[in-house]
């Protein structure tokens, strides 16, 4: 008997708080709908306001759905653990194989890894604002990844 693959949700959104004002209710409803459809793993890139809001909502939903998991996707590995300390709200972390990348490319390559390894991308971007989140969504579109726009 084959083991069922867990379905993974990832996030892409702007870094600044003012880009994310008012997304909480729609984000909460969207994530709860995804959980009800069998999505159980949530990848958090840990950069910016939208990632923070998304992680906070996943943590809130964990009270109702304790089987879901919040996983931090790292960009860098710091040998000095004081620089990198995962809070106990995370169920684990993954460091994609990007160590050989130039440091200016690591976030882009990490974001591409996230898209390649998720089943659906939940995003909040302003199309007029070209950013890492914008480029991540464009990459997801090229990969024919399902995208939910908040």
N, C-alpha and C. Protein backbone atom coordinates (compact mmCIF):
# COMPACT_ATOMS: atom_id res chain seq x y z
N UNK A 1 0.85 -1.18 0.00
CA UNK A 1 0.00 0.00 0.00
C UNK A 1 0.89 1.24 0.00
N UNK A 2 0.60 2.18 -0.88
CA UNK A 2 1.45 3.36 -0.97
C UNK A 2 1.06 4.39 0.09
N UNK A 3 2.06 5.10 0.55
CA UNK A 3 1.85 6.13 1.56
C UNK A 3 1.34 7.40 0.88
N UNK A 4 0.34 8.03 1.46
CA UNK A 4 -0.20 9.26 0.89
C UNK A 4 0.78 10.41 1.08
N UNK A 5 0.99 11.17 0.02
CA UNK A 5 1.86 12.34 0.09
C UNK A 5 1.10 13.49 0.75
N UNK A 6 1.74 14.13 1.70
CA UNK A 6 1.10 15.29 2.34
C UNK A 6 1.11 16.46 1.36
N UNK A 7 0.02 17.22 1.36
CA UNK A 7 -0.11 18.35 0.46
C UNK A 7 0.45 19.60 1.11
N UNK A 8 1.25 20.33 0.33
CA UNK A 8 2.03 21.45 0.84
C UNK A 8 1.53 22.78 0.27
N UNK A 9 1.38 23.75 1.17
CA UNK A 9 1.03 25.13 0.83
C UNK A 9 2.27 25.99 1.07
N UNK A 10 2.55 26.90 0.15
CA UNK A 10 3.64 27.86 0.34
C UNK A 10 3.07 29.26 0.15
N UNK A 11 3.85 30.25 0.56
CA UNK A 11 3.40 31.64 0.54
C UNK A 11 4.39 32.51 -0.22
N UNK A 12 3.86 33.54 -0.86
CA UNK A 12 4.69 34.58 -1.49
C UNK A 12 3.97 35.90 -1.32
N UNK A 13 4.67 36.86 -0.78
CA UNK A 13 4.05 38.17 -0.58
C UNK A 13 5.09 39.21 -0.25
N UNK A 14 4.64 40.43 -0.22
CA UNK A 14 5.55 41.55 -0.02
C UNK A 14 6.11 41.62 1.40
N UNK A 15 7.22 42.25 1.48
CA UNK A 15 7.98 42.37 2.72
C UNK A 15 7.40 43.42 3.66
N UNK A 16 6.85 44.48 3.11
CA UNK A 16 6.46 45.61 3.94
C UNK A 16 5.01 45.50 4.42
N UNK A 17 4.81 45.89 5.66
CA UNK A 17 3.50 45.80 6.32
C UNK A 17 2.42 46.54 5.53
N UNK A 18 2.73 47.69 5.00
CA UNK A 18 1.71 48.49 4.33
C UNK A 18 1.19 47.81 3.06
N UNK A 19 1.92 46.83 2.51
CA UNK A 19 1.43 46.07 1.36
C UNK A 19 0.42 45.01 1.78
N UNK A 20 0.36 44.70 3.08
CA UNK A 20 -0.43 43.56 3.56
C UNK A 20 -1.60 43.95 4.45
N UNK A 21 -1.93 45.21 4.47
CA UNK A 21 -3.01 45.66 5.34
C UNK A 21 -4.33 45.04 4.88
N UNK A 22 -5.03 44.43 5.83
CA UNK A 22 -6.36 43.91 5.56
C UNK A 22 -6.44 42.53 4.93
N UNK A 23 -5.35 41.77 4.90
CA UNK A 23 -5.38 40.44 4.27
C UNK A 23 -5.76 39.32 5.23
N UNK A 24 -5.79 39.60 6.53
CA UNK A 24 -5.89 38.54 7.53
C UNK A 24 -7.14 37.67 7.38
N UNK A 25 -8.31 38.28 7.24
CA UNK A 25 -9.54 37.48 7.20
C UNK A 25 -9.59 36.59 5.97
N UNK A 26 -9.27 37.16 4.81
CA UNK A 26 -9.28 36.35 3.58
C UNK A 26 -8.21 35.26 3.65
N UNK A 27 -7.06 35.57 4.20
CA UNK A 27 -6.00 34.58 4.35
C UNK A 27 -6.43 33.45 5.28
N UNK A 28 -7.03 33.81 6.40
CA UNK A 28 -7.54 32.81 7.34
C UNK A 28 -8.56 31.89 6.67
N UNK A 29 -9.53 32.47 5.98
CA UNK A 29 -10.55 31.67 5.31
C UNK A 29 -9.95 30.77 4.23
N UNK A 30 -9.01 31.30 3.48
CA UNK A 30 -8.36 30.53 2.42
C UNK A 30 -7.59 29.34 3.00
N UNK A 31 -6.82 29.59 4.06
CA UNK A 31 -6.03 28.50 4.64
C UNK A 31 -6.92 27.45 5.28
N UNK A 32 -8.00 27.87 5.90
CA UNK A 32 -8.91 26.89 6.49
C UNK A 32 -9.56 26.03 5.39
N UNK A 33 -9.92 26.64 4.27
CA UNK A 33 -10.46 25.88 3.14
C UNK A 33 -9.44 24.86 2.64
N UNK A 34 -8.17 25.28 2.56
CA UNK A 34 -7.13 24.36 2.10
C UNK A 34 -6.95 23.20 3.08
N UNK A 35 -6.99 23.48 4.36
CA UNK A 35 -6.88 22.41 5.37
C UNK A 35 -8.03 21.43 5.19
N UNK A 36 -9.23 21.93 4.97
CA UNK A 36 -10.40 21.06 4.76
C UNK A 36 -10.28 20.24 3.47
N UNK A 37 -9.44 20.70 2.54
CA UNK A 37 -9.19 19.94 1.30
C UNK A 37 -8.00 19.00 1.43
N UNK A 38 -7.42 18.92 2.63
CA UNK A 38 -6.35 17.96 2.86
C UNK A 38 -4.94 18.51 2.88
N UNK A 39 -4.76 19.81 2.80
CA UNK A 39 -3.42 20.40 2.89
C UNK A 39 -3.00 20.43 4.35
N UNK A 40 -1.81 19.92 4.63
CA UNK A 40 -1.38 19.78 6.02
C UNK A 40 -0.02 20.41 6.33
N UNK A 41 0.77 20.71 5.32
CA UNK A 41 2.10 21.26 5.51
C UNK A 41 2.11 22.69 4.96
N UNK A 42 2.67 23.60 5.75
CA UNK A 42 2.75 25.01 5.35
C UNK A 42 4.20 25.45 5.42
N UNK A 43 4.74 25.86 4.27
CA UNK A 43 6.12 26.33 4.18
C UNK A 43 6.17 27.83 4.43
N UNK A 44 7.01 28.24 5.38
CA UNK A 44 7.19 29.65 5.72
C UNK A 44 8.61 30.05 5.36
N UNK A 45 8.73 31.03 4.46
CA UNK A 45 10.04 31.52 4.08
C UNK A 45 10.64 32.47 5.10
N UNK A 46 9.79 33.04 5.94
CA UNK A 46 10.28 33.85 7.05
C UNK A 46 10.77 35.24 6.70
N UNK A 47 10.43 35.74 5.51
CA UNK A 47 10.85 37.09 5.14
C UNK A 47 9.62 37.97 4.93
N UNK A 48 9.52 39.01 5.66
CA UNK A 48 8.53 40.03 5.37
C UNK A 48 7.18 39.86 6.02
N UNK A 49 6.37 40.87 5.80
CA UNK A 49 5.07 40.99 6.47
C UNK A 49 4.10 39.89 6.07
N UNK A 50 4.03 39.55 4.78
CA UNK A 50 3.06 38.53 4.37
C UNK A 50 3.44 37.16 4.93
N UNK A 51 4.72 36.83 4.91
CA UNK A 51 5.17 35.57 5.51
C UNK A 51 4.82 35.54 7.00
N UNK A 52 5.03 36.65 7.68
CA UNK A 52 4.75 36.71 9.11
C UNK A 52 3.25 36.52 9.37
N UNK A 53 2.42 37.23 8.61
CA UNK A 53 0.97 37.09 8.77
C UNK A 53 0.53 35.66 8.47
N UNK A 54 1.08 35.07 7.42
CA UNK A 54 0.72 33.71 7.05
C UNK A 54 1.08 32.73 8.15
N UNK A 55 2.29 32.84 8.68
CA UNK A 55 2.73 31.95 9.76
C UNK A 55 1.84 32.12 11.00
N UNK A 56 1.51 33.36 11.33
CA UNK A 56 0.65 33.61 12.49
C UNK A 56 -0.73 32.95 12.32
N UNK A 57 -1.26 33.01 11.12
CA UNK A 57 -2.57 32.40 10.88
C UNK A 57 -2.47 30.88 10.92
N UNK A 58 -1.41 30.31 10.38
CA UNK A 58 -1.22 28.85 10.48
C UNK A 58 -1.16 28.45 11.95
N UNK A 59 -0.43 29.21 12.75
CA UNK A 59 -0.34 28.90 14.19
C UNK A 59 -1.70 29.01 14.86
N UNK A 60 -2.47 29.99 14.49
CA UNK A 60 -3.83 30.13 15.03
C UNK A 60 -4.68 28.92 14.64
N UNK A 61 -4.56 28.48 13.40
CA UNK A 61 -5.34 27.34 12.92
C UNK A 61 -4.89 26.02 13.53
N UNK A 62 -3.64 25.97 14.00
CA UNK A 62 -3.14 24.74 14.64
C UNK A 62 -3.93 24.40 15.90
N UNK A 63 -4.54 25.40 16.53
CA UNK A 63 -5.35 25.13 17.72
C UNK A 63 -6.59 24.30 17.33
N UNK A 64 -7.14 24.60 16.18
CA UNK A 64 -8.33 23.88 15.70
C UNK A 64 -7.95 22.61 14.94
N UNK A 65 -6.81 22.65 14.25
CA UNK A 65 -6.34 21.53 13.41
C UNK A 65 -4.92 21.17 13.85
N UNK A 66 -4.77 20.45 14.96
CA UNK A 66 -3.43 20.20 15.50
C UNK A 66 -2.53 19.32 14.62
N UNK A 67 -3.09 18.70 13.60
CA UNK A 67 -2.30 17.84 12.72
C UNK A 67 -1.51 18.63 11.67
N UNK A 68 -1.81 19.90 11.47
CA UNK A 68 -1.08 20.67 10.45
C UNK A 68 0.31 21.05 10.97
N UNK A 69 1.22 21.30 10.02
CA UNK A 69 2.62 21.59 10.39
C UNK A 69 3.09 22.86 9.71
N UNK A 70 3.84 23.64 10.46
CA UNK A 70 4.48 24.85 9.95
C UNK A 70 5.98 24.58 9.86
N UNK A 71 6.52 24.66 8.65
CA UNK A 71 7.92 24.34 8.39
C UNK A 71 8.63 25.59 7.87
N UNK A 72 9.72 25.96 8.49
CA UNK A 72 10.52 27.11 8.04
C UNK A 72 11.48 26.63 6.96
N UNK A 73 11.47 27.33 5.83
CA UNK A 73 12.40 27.03 4.74
C UNK A 73 13.53 28.06 4.83
N UNK A 74 14.70 27.57 5.12
CA UNK A 74 15.86 28.42 5.39
C UNK A 74 16.54 28.87 4.10
N UNK A 75 17.20 29.99 4.19
CA UNK A 75 18.01 30.49 3.09
C UNK A 75 19.49 30.29 3.39
N UNK A 76 19.85 30.43 4.64
CA UNK A 76 21.24 30.33 5.07
C UNK A 76 21.32 29.41 6.27
N UNK A 77 22.44 28.75 6.39
CA UNK A 77 22.73 28.01 7.60
C UNK A 77 23.82 28.78 8.34
N UNK A 78 23.54 29.15 9.57
CA UNK A 78 24.53 29.87 10.36
C UNK A 78 25.17 28.90 11.34
N UNK A 79 26.48 28.86 11.33
CA UNK A 79 27.18 28.00 12.28
C UNK A 79 27.02 28.53 13.70
N UNK A 80 26.82 29.82 13.80
CA UNK A 80 26.58 30.45 15.09
C UNK A 80 25.09 30.37 15.38
N UNK A 81 24.66 29.46 16.22
CA UNK A 81 23.24 29.23 16.46
C UNK A 81 22.54 30.44 17.05
N UNK A 82 23.27 31.38 17.62
CA UNK A 82 22.63 32.58 18.14
C UNK A 82 22.02 33.40 17.01
N UNK A 83 22.59 33.30 15.80
CA UNK A 83 22.05 34.04 14.67
C UNK A 83 20.83 33.34 14.09
N UNK A 84 20.73 32.05 14.31
CA UNK A 84 19.61 31.30 13.75
C UNK A 84 19.00 30.45 14.85
N UNK A 85 17.88 30.89 15.35
CA UNK A 85 17.20 30.17 16.42
C UNK A 85 15.74 30.02 16.01
N UNK A 86 15.32 28.78 15.73
CA UNK A 86 13.91 28.55 15.39
C UNK A 86 13.09 28.55 16.67
N UNK A 87 12.02 29.30 16.67
CA UNK A 87 11.15 29.27 17.83
C UNK A 87 10.41 27.94 17.85
N UNK A 88 9.88 27.59 18.98
CA UNK A 88 9.22 26.30 19.11
C UNK A 88 7.87 26.25 18.41
N UNK A 89 7.45 27.32 17.75
CA UNK A 89 6.20 27.29 17.01
C UNK A 89 6.34 26.50 15.71
N UNK A 90 7.58 26.28 15.26
CA UNK A 90 7.81 25.54 14.02
C UNK A 90 7.91 24.05 14.30
N UNK A 91 7.41 23.29 13.34
CA UNK A 91 7.47 21.84 13.45
C UNK A 91 8.72 21.27 12.80
N UNK A 92 9.56 22.14 12.25
CA UNK A 92 10.80 21.70 11.63
C UNK A 92 11.30 22.77 10.67
N UNK A 93 12.41 22.47 10.04
CA UNK A 93 12.99 23.38 9.06
C UNK A 93 13.66 22.57 7.96
N UNK A 94 13.80 23.21 6.80
CA UNK A 94 14.47 22.60 5.65
C UNK A 94 15.43 23.63 5.10
N UNK A 95 16.64 23.20 4.82
CA UNK A 95 17.62 24.04 4.12
C UNK A 95 17.81 23.44 2.73
N UNK A 96 17.23 24.07 1.69
CA UNK A 96 17.41 23.55 0.34
C UNK A 96 18.89 23.52 -0.04
N UNK A 97 19.21 22.73 -1.03
CA UNK A 97 20.59 22.59 -1.48
C UNK A 97 20.99 23.81 -2.33
N UNK A 98 21.24 24.93 -1.62
CA UNK A 98 21.58 26.18 -2.30
C UNK A 98 22.88 26.76 -1.75
N UNK A 99 23.59 25.99 -0.96
CA UNK A 99 24.80 26.50 -0.32
C UNK A 99 25.85 26.99 -1.32
N UNK A 100 25.89 26.39 -2.51
CA UNK A 100 26.89 26.76 -3.50
C UNK A 100 26.52 28.02 -4.28
N UNK A 101 25.30 28.50 -4.11
CA UNK A 101 24.85 29.69 -4.82
C UNK A 101 25.52 30.95 -4.26
N UNK A 102 25.72 31.93 -5.13
CA UNK A 102 26.21 33.24 -4.69
C UNK A 102 25.19 33.80 -3.70
N UNK A 103 25.65 34.49 -2.66
CA UNK A 103 24.74 34.94 -1.61
C UNK A 103 23.62 35.83 -2.16
N UNK A 104 23.85 36.55 -3.25
CA UNK A 104 22.81 37.40 -3.81
C UNK A 104 21.73 36.59 -4.55
N UNK A 105 22.02 35.33 -4.84
CA UNK A 105 21.06 34.47 -5.53
C UNK A 105 20.32 33.51 -4.60
N UNK A 106 20.75 33.43 -3.34
CA UNK A 106 20.20 32.41 -2.44
C UNK A 106 18.71 32.57 -2.18
N UNK A 107 18.23 33.79 -1.98
CA UNK A 107 16.80 33.96 -1.72
C UNK A 107 15.99 33.57 -2.95
N UNK A 108 16.44 33.99 -4.13
CA UNK A 108 15.75 33.63 -5.37
C UNK A 108 15.71 32.11 -5.53
N UNK A 109 16.84 31.46 -5.34
CA UNK A 109 16.90 29.99 -5.50
C UNK A 109 16.08 29.30 -4.42
N UNK A 110 16.08 29.83 -3.21
CA UNK A 110 15.25 29.26 -2.15
C UNK A 110 13.77 29.38 -2.52
N UNK A 111 13.37 30.54 -3.04
CA UNK A 111 11.98 30.74 -3.45
C UNK A 111 11.59 29.79 -4.58
N UNK A 112 12.49 29.57 -5.52
CA UNK A 112 12.21 28.61 -6.60
C UNK A 112 12.08 27.20 -6.04
N UNK A 113 12.91 26.85 -5.07
CA UNK A 113 12.81 25.53 -4.43
C UNK A 113 11.44 25.39 -3.75
N UNK A 114 11.00 26.44 -3.07
CA UNK A 114 9.71 26.41 -2.40
C UNK A 114 8.60 26.14 -3.42
N UNK A 115 8.62 26.86 -4.53
CA UNK A 115 7.61 26.67 -5.58
C UNK A 115 7.67 25.24 -6.12
N UNK A 116 8.88 24.77 -6.39
CA UNK A 116 9.04 23.42 -6.95
C UNK A 116 8.56 22.33 -6.00
N UNK A 117 8.56 22.62 -4.71
CA UNK A 117 8.25 21.59 -3.71
C UNK A 117 6.92 21.81 -2.98
N UNK A 118 6.12 22.74 -3.45
CA UNK A 118 4.79 22.92 -2.87
C UNK A 118 3.74 22.44 -3.87
N UNK A 119 2.53 22.26 -3.38
CA UNK A 119 1.43 21.86 -4.24
C UNK A 119 0.57 23.04 -4.66
N UNK A 120 0.61 24.11 -3.87
CA UNK A 120 -0.17 25.31 -4.18
C UNK A 120 0.53 26.51 -3.54
N UNK A 121 0.45 27.64 -4.21
CA UNK A 121 1.06 28.87 -3.72
C UNK A 121 -0.04 29.87 -3.38
N UNK A 122 0.00 30.39 -2.16
CA UNK A 122 -0.92 31.45 -1.73
C UNK A 122 -0.12 32.73 -1.73
N UNK A 123 -0.60 33.74 -2.46
CA UNK A 123 0.22 34.94 -2.58
C UNK A 123 -0.60 36.21 -2.41
N UNK A 124 0.13 37.25 -2.09
CA UNK A 124 -0.43 38.60 -2.03
C UNK A 124 0.64 39.53 -2.56
N UNK A 125 0.44 39.94 -3.81
CA UNK A 125 1.40 40.87 -4.42
C UNK A 125 0.64 41.96 -5.15
N UNK A 126 1.32 43.08 -5.31
CA UNK A 126 0.81 44.16 -6.14
C UNK A 126 1.58 44.09 -7.45
N UNK A 127 0.89 43.85 -8.53
CA UNK A 127 1.55 43.63 -9.82
C UNK A 127 2.45 44.77 -10.25
N UNK A 128 2.18 45.97 -9.77
CA UNK A 128 2.99 47.11 -10.19
C UNK A 128 4.31 47.19 -9.43
N UNK A 129 4.44 46.38 -8.38
CA UNK A 129 5.63 46.45 -7.54
C UNK A 129 6.48 45.21 -7.79
N UNK A 130 7.54 45.37 -8.57
CA UNK A 130 8.42 44.25 -8.92
C UNK A 130 9.31 43.94 -7.72
N UNK A 131 9.19 42.71 -7.24
CA UNK A 131 9.90 42.32 -6.02
C UNK A 131 10.26 40.85 -6.11
N UNK A 132 10.88 40.34 -5.06
CA UNK A 132 11.15 38.91 -4.97
C UNK A 132 9.86 38.11 -4.98
N UNK A 133 8.84 38.61 -4.30
CA UNK A 133 7.54 37.92 -4.29
C UNK A 133 6.94 37.91 -5.70
N UNK A 134 7.02 39.02 -6.38
CA UNK A 134 6.53 39.12 -7.75
C UNK A 134 7.24 38.09 -8.63
N UNK A 135 8.56 38.02 -8.52
CA UNK A 135 9.34 37.06 -9.32
C UNK A 135 9.00 35.63 -8.95
N UNK A 136 8.72 35.37 -7.68
CA UNK A 136 8.33 34.03 -7.24
C UNK A 136 7.01 33.63 -7.88
N UNK A 137 6.05 34.53 -7.90
CA UNK A 137 4.76 34.23 -8.52
C UNK A 137 4.93 34.01 -10.02
N UNK A 138 5.74 34.81 -10.67
CA UNK A 138 5.99 34.63 -12.10
C UNK A 138 6.64 33.26 -12.36
N UNK A 139 7.56 32.86 -11.49
CA UNK A 139 8.18 31.53 -11.61
C UNK A 139 7.13 30.44 -11.43
N UNK A 140 6.24 30.60 -10.45
CA UNK A 140 5.18 29.62 -10.21
C UNK A 140 4.25 29.51 -11.43
N UNK A 141 3.96 30.64 -12.04
CA UNK A 141 3.11 30.62 -13.24
C UNK A 141 3.79 29.83 -14.36
N UNK A 142 5.10 30.03 -14.55
CA UNK A 142 5.84 29.30 -15.58
C UNK A 142 5.87 27.80 -15.30
N UNK A 143 5.82 27.44 -14.01
CA UNK A 143 5.84 26.03 -13.61
C UNK A 143 4.43 25.43 -13.58
N UNK A 144 3.43 26.23 -13.96
CA UNK A 144 2.01 25.81 -13.93
C UNK A 144 1.57 25.37 -12.54
N UNK A 145 2.08 26.06 -11.55
CA UNK A 145 1.72 25.77 -10.15
C UNK A 145 0.38 26.46 -9.86
N UNK A 146 -0.54 25.77 -9.19
CA UNK A 146 -1.79 26.45 -8.79
C UNK A 146 -1.47 27.61 -7.84
N UNK A 147 -2.13 28.74 -8.07
CA UNK A 147 -1.89 29.95 -7.28
C UNK A 147 -3.22 30.50 -6.81
N UNK A 148 -3.27 30.84 -5.52
CA UNK A 148 -4.43 31.54 -4.96
C UNK A 148 -3.97 32.96 -4.64
N UNK A 149 -4.67 33.93 -5.18
CA UNK A 149 -4.34 35.34 -4.96
C UNK A 149 -5.21 35.88 -3.82
N UNK A 150 -4.57 36.47 -2.83
CA UNK A 150 -5.26 37.08 -1.69
C UNK A 150 -5.33 38.58 -1.94
